[in-house]
Amino acid sequence: YTIEAEIQKQEFSVADPATANVAPQDGSELALNALADADLDGI
């Protein structure tokens, strides 16, 4: 399951974070109904 984030605010400094949107794509072959018993890993 791969998600590319869309950068919204690029610059950051102390106490002023950068932000990005993570919007899962429709049509993915992965479905949430199996998450309950899955031991997930990721980066």
ModelCIF file with pLDDT and N, C-alpha, C, O atoms, coordinates in Angstrom:
data_MODEL
#
_entry.id   MODEL 
#
_entity.id                         1 
_entity.type                       polymer 
_entity.pdbx_number_of_molecules   1 
#
_entity_poly.entity_id                      1 
_entity_poly.type                           'polypeptide(L)' 
_entity_poly.nstd_linkage                   no 
_entity_poly.nstd_monomer                   no 
_entity_poly.pdbx_seq_one_letter_code       YTIEAEIQKQEFSVADPATANVAPQDGSELALNALADADLDGI 
_entity_poly.pdbx_seq_one_letter_code_can   YTIEAEIQKQEFSVADPATANVAPQDGSELALNALADADLDGI 
_entity_poly.pdbx_strand_id                 A 
#
loop_
_entity_poly_seq.entity_id 
_entity_poly_seq.num 
_entity_poly_seq.mon_id 
_entity_poly_seq.hetero 
1 1  TYR n 
1 2  THR n 
1 3  ILE n 
1 4  GLU n 
1 5  ALA n 
1 6  GLU n 
1 7  ILE n 
1 8  GLN n 
1 9  LYS n 
1 10 GLN n 
1 11 GLU n 
1 12 PHE n 
1 13 SER n 
1 14 VAL n 
1 15 ALA n 
1 16 ASP n 
1 17 PRO n 
1 18 ALA n 
1 19 THR n 
1 20 ALA n 
1 21 ASN n 
1 22 VAL n 
1 23 ALA n 
1 24 PRO n 
1 25 GLN n 
1 26 ASP n 
1 27 GLY n 
1 28 SER n 
1 29 GLU n 
1 30 LEU n 
1 31 ALA n 
1 32 LEU n 
1 33 ASN n 
1 34 ALA n 
1 35 LEU n 
1 36 ALA n 
1 37 ASP n 
1 38 ALA n 
1 39 ASP n 
1 40 LEU n 
1 41 ASP n 
1 42 GLY n 
1 43 ILE n 
#
_struct_asym.id          A 
_struct_asym.entity_id   1 
#
loop_
_ma_qa_metric.id 
_ma_qa_metric.mode 
_ma_qa_metric.name 
_ma_qa_metric.software_group_id 
_ma_qa_metric.type 
1 global pLDDT . pLDDT 
2 local  pLDDT . pLDDT 
#
_ma_qa_metric_global.metric_id      1 
_ma_qa_metric_global.metric_value   76.42 
_ma_qa_metric_global.model_id       1 
_ma_qa_metric_global.ordinal_id     1 
#
loop_
_ma_qa_metric_local.label_asym_id 
_ma_qa_metric_local.label_comp_id 
_ma_qa_metric_local.label_seq_id 
_ma_qa_metric_local.metric_id 
_ma_qa_metric_local.metric_value 
_ma_qa_metric_local.model_id 
_ma_qa_metric_local.ordinal_id 
A TYR 1  2 71.00 1 1  
A THR 2  2 75.00 1 2  
A ILE 3  2 81.00 1 3  
A GLU 4  2 84.00 1 4  
A ALA 5  2 91.00 1 5  
A GLU 6  2 93.00 1 6  
A ILE 7  2 95.00 1 7  
A GLN 8  2 95.00 1 8  
A LYS 9  2 96.00 1 9  
A GLN 10 2 96.00 1 10 
A GLU 11 2 96.00 1 11 
A PHE 12 2 95.00 1 12 
A SER 13 2 90.00 1 13 
A VAL 14 2 89.00 1 14 
A ALA 15 2 85.00 1 15 
A ASP 16 2 93.00 1 16 
A PRO 17 2 96.00 1 17 
A ALA 18 2 97.00 1 18 
A THR 19 2 97.00 1 19 
A ALA 20 2 96.00 1 20 
A ASN 21 2 94.00 1 21 
A VAL 22 2 90.00 1 22 
A ALA 23 2 84.00 1 23 
A PRO 24 2 75.00 1 24 
A GLN 25 2 63.00 1 25 
A ASP 26 2 58.00 1 26 
A GLY 27 2 45.00 1 27 
A SER 28 2 48.00 1 28 
A GLU 29 2 44.00 1 29 
A LEU 30 2 48.00 1 30 
A ALA 31 2 43.00 1 31 
A LEU 32 2 46.00 1 32 
A ASN 33 2 47.00 1 33 
A ALA 34 2 47.00 1 34 
A LEU 35 2 47.00 1 35 
A ALA 36 2 49.00 1 36 
A ASP 37 2 54.00 1 37 
A ALA 38 2 63.00 1 38 
A ASP 39 2 77.00 1 39 
A LEU 40 2 82.00 1 40 
A ASP 41 2 88.00 1 41 
A GLY 42 2 90.00 1 42 
A ILE 43 2 93.00 1 43 
#
loop_
_atom_site.group_PDB 
_atom_site.id 
_atom_site.type_symbol 
_atom_site.label_atom_id 
_atom_site.label_alt_id 
_atom_site.label_comp_id 
_atom_site.label_asym_id 
_atom_site.label_entity_id 
_atom_site.label_seq_id 
_atom_site.pdbx_PDB_ins_code 
_atom_site.Cartn_x 
_atom_site.Cartn_y 
_atom_site.Cartn_z 
_atom_site.occupancy 
_atom_site.B_iso_or_equiv 
_atom_site.pdbx_formal_charge 
_atom_site.auth_seq_id 
_atom_site.auth_comp_id 
_atom_site.auth_asym_id 
_atom_site.auth_atom_id 
_atom_site.pdbx_PDB_model_num 
ATOM 1   N N  . TYR A 1 1  ? 0.855   -1.174 0.000  1.00 71.00 ? 1  TYR A N  1 
ATOM 2   C CA . TYR A 1 1  ? 0.000   0.000  0.000  1.00 71.00 ? 1  TYR A CA 1 
ATOM 3   C C  . TYR A 1 1  ? 0.897   1.233  0.000  1.00 71.00 ? 1  TYR A C  1 
ATOM 4   O O  . TYR A 1 1  ? 1.580   1.493  0.991  1.00 71.00 ? 1  TYR A O  1 
ATOM 5   N N  . THR A 1 2  ? 0.909   1.994  -1.089 1.00 75.00 ? 2  THR A N  1 
ATOM 6   C CA . THR A 1 2  ? 1.784   3.148  -1.246 1.00 75.00 ? 2  THR A CA 1 
ATOM 7   C C  . THR A 1 2  ? 0.958   4.415  -1.394 1.00 75.00 ? 2  THR A C  1 
ATOM 8   O O  . THR A 1 2  ? 0.006   4.460  -2.173 1.00 75.00 ? 2  THR A O  1 
ATOM 9   N N  . ILE A 1 3  ? 1.324   5.431  -0.649 1.00 81.00 ? 3  ILE A N  1 
ATOM 10  C CA . ILE A 1 3  ? 0.611   6.707  -0.704 1.00 81.00 ? 3  ILE A CA 1 
ATOM 11  C C  . ILE A 1 3  ? 1.624   7.832  -0.872 1.00 81.00 ? 3  ILE A C  1 
ATOM 12  O O  . ILE A 1 3  ? 2.527   7.985  -0.049 1.00 81.00 ? 3  ILE A O  1 
ATOM 13  N N  . GLU A 1 4  ? 1.480   8.605  -1.917 1.00 84.00 ? 4  GLU A N  1 
ATOM 14  C CA . GLU A 1 4  ? 2.288   9.805  -2.101 1.00 84.00 ? 4  GLU A CA 1 
ATOM 15  C C  . GLU A 1 4  ? 1.562   10.983 -1.467 1.00 84.00 ? 4  GLU A C  1 
ATOM 16  O O  . GLU A 1 4  ? 0.392   11.227 -1.762 1.00 84.00 ? 4  GLU A O  1 
ATOM 17  N N  . ALA A 1 5  ? 2.249   11.710 -0.602 1.00 91.00 ? 5  ALA A N  1 
ATOM 18  C CA . ALA A 1 5  ? 1.635   12.861 0.047  1.00 91.00 ? 5  ALA A CA 1 
ATOM 19  C C  . ALA A 1 5  ? 1.752   14.097 -0.842 1.00 91.00 ? 5  ALA A C  1 
ATOM 20  O O  . ALA A 1 5  ? 2.704   14.241 -1.609 1.00 91.00 ? 5  ALA A O  1 
ATOM 21  N N  . GLU A 1 6  ? 0.790   14.960 -0.725 1.00 93.00 ? 6  GLU A N  1 
ATOM 22  C CA . GLU A 1 6  ? 0.785   16.221 -1.478 1.00 93.00 ? 6  GLU A CA 1 
ATOM 23  C C  . GLU A 1 6  ? 1.201   17.354 -0.541 1.00 93.00 ? 6  GLU A C  1 
ATOM 24  O O  . GLU A 1 6  ? 0.492   17.673 0.412  1.00 93.00 ? 6  GLU A O  1 
ATOM 25  N N  . ILE A 1 7  ? 2.360   17.960 -0.822 1.00 95.00 ? 7  ILE A N  1 
ATOM 26  C CA . ILE A 1 7  ? 2.881   19.017 0.040  1.00 95.00 ? 7  ILE A CA 1 
ATOM 27  C C  . ILE A 1 7  ? 1.941   20.226 0.001  1.00 95.00 ? 7  ILE A C  1 
ATOM 28  O O  . ILE A 1 7  ? 1.577   20.700 -1.076 1.00 95.00 ? 7  ILE A O  1 
ATOM 29  N N  . GLN A 1 8  ? 1.556   20.715 1.161  1.00 95.00 ? 8  GLN A N  1 
ATOM 30  C CA . GLN A 1 8  ? 0.708   21.895 1.259  1.00 95.00 ? 8  GLN A CA 1 
ATOM 31  C C  . GLN A 1 8  ? 1.510   23.126 1.691  1.00 95.00 ? 8  GLN A C  1 
ATOM 32  O O  . GLN A 1 8  ? 1.402   24.192 1.084  1.00 95.00 ? 8  GLN A O  1 
ATOM 33  N N  . LYS A 1 9  ? 2.297   22.970 2.720  1.00 96.00 ? 9  LYS A N  1 
ATOM 34  C CA . LYS A 1 9  ? 3.159   24.051 3.203  1.00 96.00 ? 9  LYS A CA 1 
ATOM 35  C C  . LYS A 1 9  ? 4.577   23.496 3.253  1.00 96.00 ? 9  LYS A C  1 
ATOM 36  O O  . LYS A 1 9  ? 4.872   22.603 4.047  1.00 96.00 ? 9  LYS A O  1 
ATOM 37  N N  . GLN A 1 10 ? 5.453   24.026 2.405  1.00 96.00 ? 10 GLN A N  1 
ATOM 38  C CA . GLN A 1 10 ? 6.773   23.423 2.246  1.00 96.00 ? 10 GLN A CA 1 
ATOM 39  C C  . GLN A 1 10 ? 7.772   23.885 3.289  1.00 96.00 ? 10 GLN A C  1 
ATOM 40  O O  . GLN A 1 10 ? 8.510   23.059 3.824  1.00 96.00 ? 10 GLN A O  1 
ATOM 41  N N  . GLU A 1 11 ? 7.825   25.150 3.593  1.00 96.00 ? 11 GLU A N  1 
ATOM 42  C CA . GLU A 1 11 ? 8.846   25.662 4.500  1.00 96.00 ? 11 GLU A CA 1 
ATOM 43  C C  . GLU A 1 11 ? 8.479   25.384 5.957  1.00 96.00 ? 11 GLU A C  1 
ATOM 44  O O  . GLU A 1 11 ? 7.305   25.364 6.326  1.00 96.00 ? 11 GLU A O  1 
ATOM 45  N N  . PHE A 1 12 ? 9.505   25.171 6.769  1.00 95.00 ? 12 PHE A N  1 
ATOM 46  C CA . PHE A 1 12 ? 9.280   24.983 8.197  1.00 95.00 ? 12 PHE A CA 1 
ATOM 47  C C  . PHE A 1 12 ? 10.438  25.581 8.971  1.00 95.00 ? 12 PHE A C  1 
ATOM 48  O O  . PHE A 1 12 ? 11.545  25.723 8.452  1.00 95.00 ? 12 PHE A O  1 
ATOM 49  N N  . SER A 1 13 ? 10.169  25.926 10.207 1.00 90.00 ? 13 SER A N  1 
ATOM 50  C CA . SER A 1 13 ? 11.194  26.392 11.135 1.00 90.00 ? 13 SER A CA 1 
ATOM 51  C C  . SER A 1 13 ? 10.748  25.960 12.522 1.00 90.00 ? 13 SER A C  1 
ATOM 52  O O  . SER A 1 13 ? 9.768   25.227 12.658 1.00 90.00 ? 13 SER A O  1 
ATOM 53  N N  . VAL A 1 14 ? 11.454  26.405 13.550 1.00 89.00 ? 14 VAL A N  1 
ATOM 54  C CA . VAL A 1 14 ? 11.077  26.016 14.904 1.00 89.00 ? 14 VAL A CA 1 
ATOM 55  C C  . VAL A 1 14 ? 9.657   26.506 15.199 1.00 89.00 ? 14 VAL A C  1 
ATOM 56  O O  . VAL A 1 14 ? 9.345   27.682 15.013 1.00 89.00 ? 14 VAL A O  1 
ATOM 57  N N  . ALA A 1 15 ? 8.807   25.591 15.659 1.00 85.00 ? 15 ALA A N  1 
ATOM 58  C CA . ALA A 1 15 ? 7.421   25.886 16.035 1.00 85.00 ? 15 ALA A CA 1 
ATOM 59  C C  . ALA A 1 15 ? 6.537   26.252 14.842 1.00 85.00 ? 15 ALA A C  1 
ATOM 60  O O  . ALA A 1 15 ? 5.429   26.753 15.034 1.00 85.00 ? 15 ALA A O  1 
ATOM 61  N N  . ASP A 1 16 ? 7.001   26.014 13.625 1.00 93.00 ? 16 ASP A N  1 
ATOM 62  C CA . ASP A 1 16 ? 6.203   26.317 12.430 1.00 93.00 ? 16 ASP A CA 1 
ATOM 63  C C  . ASP A 1 16 ? 6.360   25.167 11.442 1.00 93.00 ? 16 ASP A C  1 
ATOM 64  O O  . ASP A 1 16 ? 7.214   25.232 10.558 1.00 93.00 ? 16 ASP A O  1 
ATOM 65  N N  . PRO A 1 17 ? 5.544   24.103 11.576 1.00 96.00 ? 17 PRO A N  1 
ATOM 66  C CA . PRO A 1 17 ? 5.758   22.892 10.776 1.00 96.00 ? 17 PRO A CA 1 
ATOM 67  C C  . PRO A 1 17 ? 5.424   23.063 9.303  1.00 96.00 ? 17 PRO A C  1 
ATOM 68  O O  . PRO A 1 17 ? 4.617   23.911 8.923  1.00 96.00 ? 17 PRO A O  1 
ATOM 69  N N  . ALA A 1 18 ? 6.059   22.245 8.489  1.00 97.00 ? 18 ALA A N  1 
ATOM 70  C CA . ALA A 1 18 ? 5.593   22.009 7.126  1.00 97.00 ? 18 ALA A CA 1 
ATOM 71  C C  . ALA A 1 18 ? 4.457   21.006 7.196  1.00 97.00 ? 18 ALA A C  1 
ATOM 72  O O  . ALA A 1 18 ? 4.371   20.228 8.147  1.00 97.00 ? 18 ALA A O  1 
ATOM 73  N N  . THR A 1 19 ? 3.570   21.018 6.183  1.00 97.00 ? 19 THR A N  1 
ATOM 74  C CA . THR A 1 19 ? 2.438   20.093 6.183  1.00 97.00 ? 19 THR A CA 1 
ATOM 75  C C  . THR A 1 19 ? 2.248   19.482 4.803  1.00 97.00 ? 19 THR A C  1 
ATOM 76  O O  . THR A 1 19 ? 2.673   20.036 3.789  1.00 97.00 ? 19 THR A O  1 
ATOM 77  N N  . ALA A 1 20 ? 1.600   18.332 4.794  1.00 96.00 ? 20 ALA A N  1 
ATOM 78  C CA . ALA A 1 20 ? 1.283   17.644 3.543  1.00 96.00 ? 20 ALA A CA 1 
ATOM 79  C C  . ALA A 1 20 ? 0.015   16.834 3.748  1.00 96.00 ? 20 ALA A C  1 
ATOM 80  O O  . ALA A 1 20 ? -0.259  16.361 4.851  1.00 96.00 ? 20 ALA A O  1 
ATOM 81  N N  . ASN A 1 21 ? -0.762  16.676 2.673  1.00 94.00 ? 21 ASN A N  1 
ATOM 82  C CA . ASN A 1 21 ? -1.985  15.883 2.719  1.00 94.00 ? 21 ASN A CA 1 
ATOM 83  C C  . ASN A 1 21 ? -1.707  14.450 2.299  1.00 94.00 ? 21 ASN A C  1 
ATOM 84  O O  . ASN A 1 21 ? -0.994  14.211 1.325  1.00 94.00 ? 21 ASN A O  1 
ATOM 85  N N  . VAL A 1 22 ? -2.263  13.507 3.026  1.00 90.00 ? 22 VAL A N  1 
ATOM 86  C CA . VAL A 1 22 ? -2.185  12.086 2.691  1.00 90.00 ? 22 VAL A CA 1 
ATOM 87  C C  . VAL A 1 22 ? -3.597  11.624 2.376  1.00 90.00 ? 22 VAL A C  1 
ATOM 88  O O  . VAL A 1 22 ? -4.414  11.427 3.276  1.00 90.00 ? 22 VAL A O  1 
ATOM 89  N N  . ALA A 1 23 ? -3.871  11.456 1.112  1.00 84.00 ? 23 ALA A N  1 
ATOM 90  C CA . ALA A 1 23 ? -5.210  11.055 0.671  1.00 84.00 ? 23 ALA A CA 1 
ATOM 91  C C  . ALA A 1 23 ? -5.126  9.715  -0.042 1.00 84.00 ? 23 ALA A C  1 
ATOM 92  O O  . ALA A 1 23 ? -4.659  9.673  -1.180 1.00 84.00 ? 23 ALA A O  1 
ATOM 93  N N  . PRO A 1 24 ? -5.553  8.621  0.569  1.00 75.00 ? 24 PRO A N  1 
ATOM 94  C CA . PRO A 1 24 ? -5.504  7.313  -0.091 1.00 75.00 ? 24 PRO A CA 1 
ATOM 95  C C  . PRO A 1 24 ? -6.246  7.331  -1.417 1.00 75.00 ? 24 PRO A C  1 
ATOM 96  O O  . PRO A 1 24 ? -7.261  8.012  -1.563 1.00 75.00 ? 24 PRO A O  1 
ATOM 97  N N  . GLN A 1 25 ? -5.742  6.589  -2.368 1.00 63.00 ? 25 GLN A N  1 
ATOM 98  C CA . GLN A 1 25 ? -6.302  6.602  -3.716 1.00 63.00 ? 25 GLN A CA 1 
ATOM 99  C C  . GLN A 1 25 ? -7.440  5.597  -3.858 1.00 63.00 ? 25 GLN A C  1 
ATOM 100 O O  . GLN A 1 25 ? -7.343  4.465  -3.385 1.00 63.00 ? 25 GLN A O  1 
ATOM 101 N N  . ASP A 1 26 ? -8.496  6.015  -4.499 1.00 58.00 ? 26 ASP A N  1 
ATOM 102 C CA . ASP A 1 26 ? -9.597  5.101  -4.791 1.00 58.00 ? 26 ASP A CA 1 
ATOM 103 C C  . ASP A 1 26 ? -9.106  3.995  -5.719 1.00 58.00 ? 26 ASP A C  1 
ATOM 104 O O  . ASP A 1 26 ? -8.193  4.200  -6.520 1.00 58.00 ? 26 ASP A O  1 
ATOM 105 N N  . GLY A 1 27 ? -9.710  2.846  -5.603 1.00 45.00 ? 27 GLY A N  1 
ATOM 106 C CA . GLY A 1 27 ? -9.363  1.753  -6.494 1.00 45.00 ? 27 GLY A CA 1 
ATOM 107 C C  . GLY A 1 27 ? -8.216  0.915  -6.003 1.00 45.00 ? 27 GLY A C  1 
ATOM 108 O O  . GLY A 1 27 ? -7.793  -0.012 -6.694 1.00 45.00 ? 27 GLY A O  1 
ATOM 109 N N  . SER A 1 28 ? -7.679  1.222  -4.788 1.00 48.00 ? 28 SER A N  1 
ATOM 110 C CA . SER A 1 28 ? -6.597  0.403  -4.275 1.00 48.00 ? 28 SER A CA 1 
ATOM 111 C C  . SER A 1 28 ? -7.077  -1.022 -4.050 1.00 48.00 ? 28 SER A C  1 
ATOM 112 O O  . SER A 1 28 ? -8.241  -1.248 -3.721 1.00 48.00 ? 28 SER A O  1 
ATOM 113 N N  . GLU A 1 29 ? -6.176  -1.982 -4.229 1.00 44.00 ? 29 GLU A N  1 
ATOM 114 C CA . GLU A 1 29 ? -6.504  -3.385 -4.001 1.00 44.00 ? 29 GLU A CA 1 
ATOM 115 C C  . GLU A 1 29 ? -6.504  -3.737 -2.513 1.00 44.00 ? 29 GLU A C  1 
ATOM 116 O O  . GLU A 1 29 ? -6.845  -4.856 -2.131 1.00 44.00 ? 29 GLU A O  1 
ATOM 117 N N  . LEU A 1 30 ? -6.122  -2.779 -1.689 1.00 48.00 ? 30 LEU A N  1 
ATOM 118 C CA . LEU A 1 30 ? -6.051  -3.024 -0.255 1.00 48.00 ? 30 LEU A CA 1 
ATOM 119 C C  . LEU A 1 30 ? -7.336  -2.532 0.392  1.00 48.00 ? 30 LEU A C  1 
ATOM 120 O O  . LEU A 1 30 ? -7.813  -1.450 0.046  1.00 48.00 ? 30 LEU A O  1 
ATOM 121 N N  . ALA A 1 31 ? -7.903  -3.277 1.304  1.00 43.00 ? 31 ALA A N  1 
ATOM 122 C CA . ALA A 1 31 ? -9.170  -2.886 1.921  1.00 43.00 ? 31 ALA A CA 1 
ATOM 123 C C  . ALA A 1 31 ? -9.070  -2.891 3.438  1.00 43.00 ? 31 ALA A C  1 
ATOM 124 O O  . ALA A 1 31 ? -8.365  -3.714 4.021  1.00 43.00 ? 31 ALA A O  1 
ATOM 125 N N  . LEU A 1 32 ? -9.774  -1.974 4.064  1.00 46.00 ? 32 LEU A N  1 
ATOM 126 C CA . LEU A 1 32 ? -9.682  -1.792 5.491  1.00 46.00 ? 32 LEU A CA 1 
ATOM 127 C C  . LEU A 1 32 ? -10.285 -2.939 6.290  1.00 46.00 ? 32 LEU A C  1 
ATOM 128 O O  . LEU A 1 32 ? -9.948  -3.111 7.461  1.00 46.00 ? 32 LEU A O  1 
ATOM 129 N N  . ASN A 1 33 ? -11.158 -3.718 5.693  1.00 47.00 ? 33 ASN A N  1 
ATOM 130 C CA . ASN A 1 33 ? -11.848 -4.733 6.481  1.00 47.00 ? 33 ASN A CA 1 
ATOM 131 C C  . ASN A 1 33 ? -10.955 -5.847 6.977  1.00 47.00 ? 33 ASN A C  1 
ATOM 132 O O  . ASN A 1 33 ? -11.402 -6.665 7.782  1.00 47.00 ? 33 ASN A O  1 
ATOM 133 N N  . ALA A 1 34 ? -9.706  -5.914 6.530  1.00 47.00 ? 34 ALA A N  1 
ATOM 134 C CA . ALA A 1 34 ? -8.792  -6.949 7.004  1.00 47.00 ? 34 ALA A CA 1 
ATOM 135 C C  . ALA A 1 34 ? -7.786  -6.401 8.009  1.00 47.00 ? 34 ALA A C  1 
ATOM 136 O O  . ALA A 1 34 ? -6.920  -7.140 8.477  1.00 47.00 ? 34 ALA A O  1 
ATOM 137 N N  . LEU A 1 35 ? -7.884  -5.111 8.352  1.00 47.00 ? 35 LEU A N  1 
ATOM 138 C CA . LEU A 1 35 ? -6.880  -4.504 9.211  1.00 47.00 ? 35 LEU A CA 1 
ATOM 139 C C  . LEU A 1 35 ? -6.924  -5.006 10.646 1.00 47.00 ? 35 LEU A C  1 
ATOM 140 O O  . LEU A 1 35 ? -5.909  -4.965 11.341 1.00 47.00 ? 35 LEU A O  1 
ATOM 141 N N  . ALA A 1 36 ? -8.052  -5.466 11.092 1.00 49.00 ? 36 ALA A N  1 
ATOM 142 C CA . ALA A 1 36 ? -8.223  -5.768 12.502 1.00 49.00 ? 36 ALA A CA 1 
ATOM 143 C C  . ALA A 1 36 ? -7.209  -6.778 13.022 1.00 49.00 ? 36 ALA A C  1 
ATOM 144 O O  . ALA A 1 36 ? -6.735  -6.654 14.151 1.00 49.00 ? 36 ALA A O  1 
ATOM 145 N N  . ASP A 1 37 ? -6.876  -7.770 12.214 1.00 54.00 ? 37 ASP A N  1 
ATOM 146 C CA . ASP A 1 37 ? -5.951  -8.797 12.691 1.00 54.00 ? 37 ASP A CA 1 
ATOM 147 C C  . ASP A 1 37 ? -4.621  -8.778 11.959 1.00 54.00 ? 37 ASP A C  1 
ATOM 148 O O  . ASP A 1 37 ? -3.877  -9.757 11.999 1.00 54.00 ? 37 ASP A O  1 
ATOM 149 N N  . ALA A 1 38 ? -4.314  -7.673 11.289 1.00 63.00 ? 38 ALA A N  1 
ATOM 150 C CA . ALA A 1 38 ? -3.056  -7.589 10.539 1.00 63.00 ? 38 ALA A CA 1 
ATOM 151 C C  . ALA A 1 38 ? -1.972  -6.952 11.404 1.00 63.00 ? 38 ALA A C  1 
ATOM 152 O O  . ALA A 1 38 ? -2.213  -5.968 12.104 1.00 63.00 ? 38 ALA A O  1 
ATOM 153 N N  . ASP A 1 39 ? -0.790  -7.523 11.343 1.00 77.00 ? 39 ASP A N  1 
ATOM 154 C CA . ASP A 1 39 ? 0.378   -6.975 12.027 1.00 77.00 ? 39 ASP A CA 1 
ATOM 155 C C  . ASP A 1 39 ? 1.154   -6.153 11.008 1.00 77.00 ? 39 ASP A C  1 
ATOM 156 O O  . ASP A 1 39 ? 2.015   -6.676 10.301 1.00 77.00 ? 39 ASP A O  1 
ATOM 157 N N  . LEU A 1 40 ? 0.846   -4.869 10.939 1.00 82.00 ? 40 LEU A N  1 
ATOM 158 C CA . LEU A 1 40 ? 1.368   -4.041 9.853  1.00 82.00 ? 40 LEU A CA 1 
ATOM 159 C C  . LEU A 1 40 ? 2.763   -3.504 10.158 1.00 82.00 ? 40 LEU A C  1 
ATOM 160 O O  . LEU A 1 40 ? 3.139   -3.291 11.311 1.00 82.00 ? 40 LEU A O  1 
ATOM 161 N N  . ASP A 1 41 ? 3.500   -3.299 9.096  1.00 88.00 ? 41 ASP A N  1 
ATOM 162 C CA . ASP A 1 41 ? 4.783   -2.612 9.170  1.00 88.00 ? 41 ASP A CA 1 
ATOM 163 C C  . ASP A 1 41 ? 4.781   -1.594 8.042  1.00 88.00 ? 41 ASP A C  1 
ATOM 164 O O  . ASP A 1 41 ? 3.913   -1.638 7.170  1.00 88.00 ? 41 ASP A O  1 
ATOM 165 N N  . GLY A 1 42 ? 5.738   -0.682 8.049  1.00 90.00 ? 42 GLY A N  1 
ATOM 166 C CA . GLY A 1 42 ? 5.798   0.299  6.975  1.00 90.00 ? 42 GLY A CA 1 
ATOM 167 C C  . GLY A 1 42 ? 6.879   1.323  7.218  1.00 90.00 ? 42 GLY A C  1 
ATOM 168 O O  . GLY A 1 42 ? 7.476   1.387  8.292  1.00 90.00 ? 42 GLY A O  1 
ATOM 169 N N  . ILE A 1 43 ? 7.118   2.123  6.198  1.00 93.00 ? 43 ILE A N  1 
ATOM 170 C CA . ILE A 1 43 ? 8.124   3.182  6.276  1.00 93.00 ? 43 ILE A CA 1 
ATOM 171 C C  . ILE A 1 43 ? 7.572   4.464  5.675  1.00 93.00 ? 43 ILE A C  1 
ATOM 172 O O  . ILE A 1 43 ? 8.267   5.480  5.643  1.00 93.00 ? 43 ILE A O  1 
#
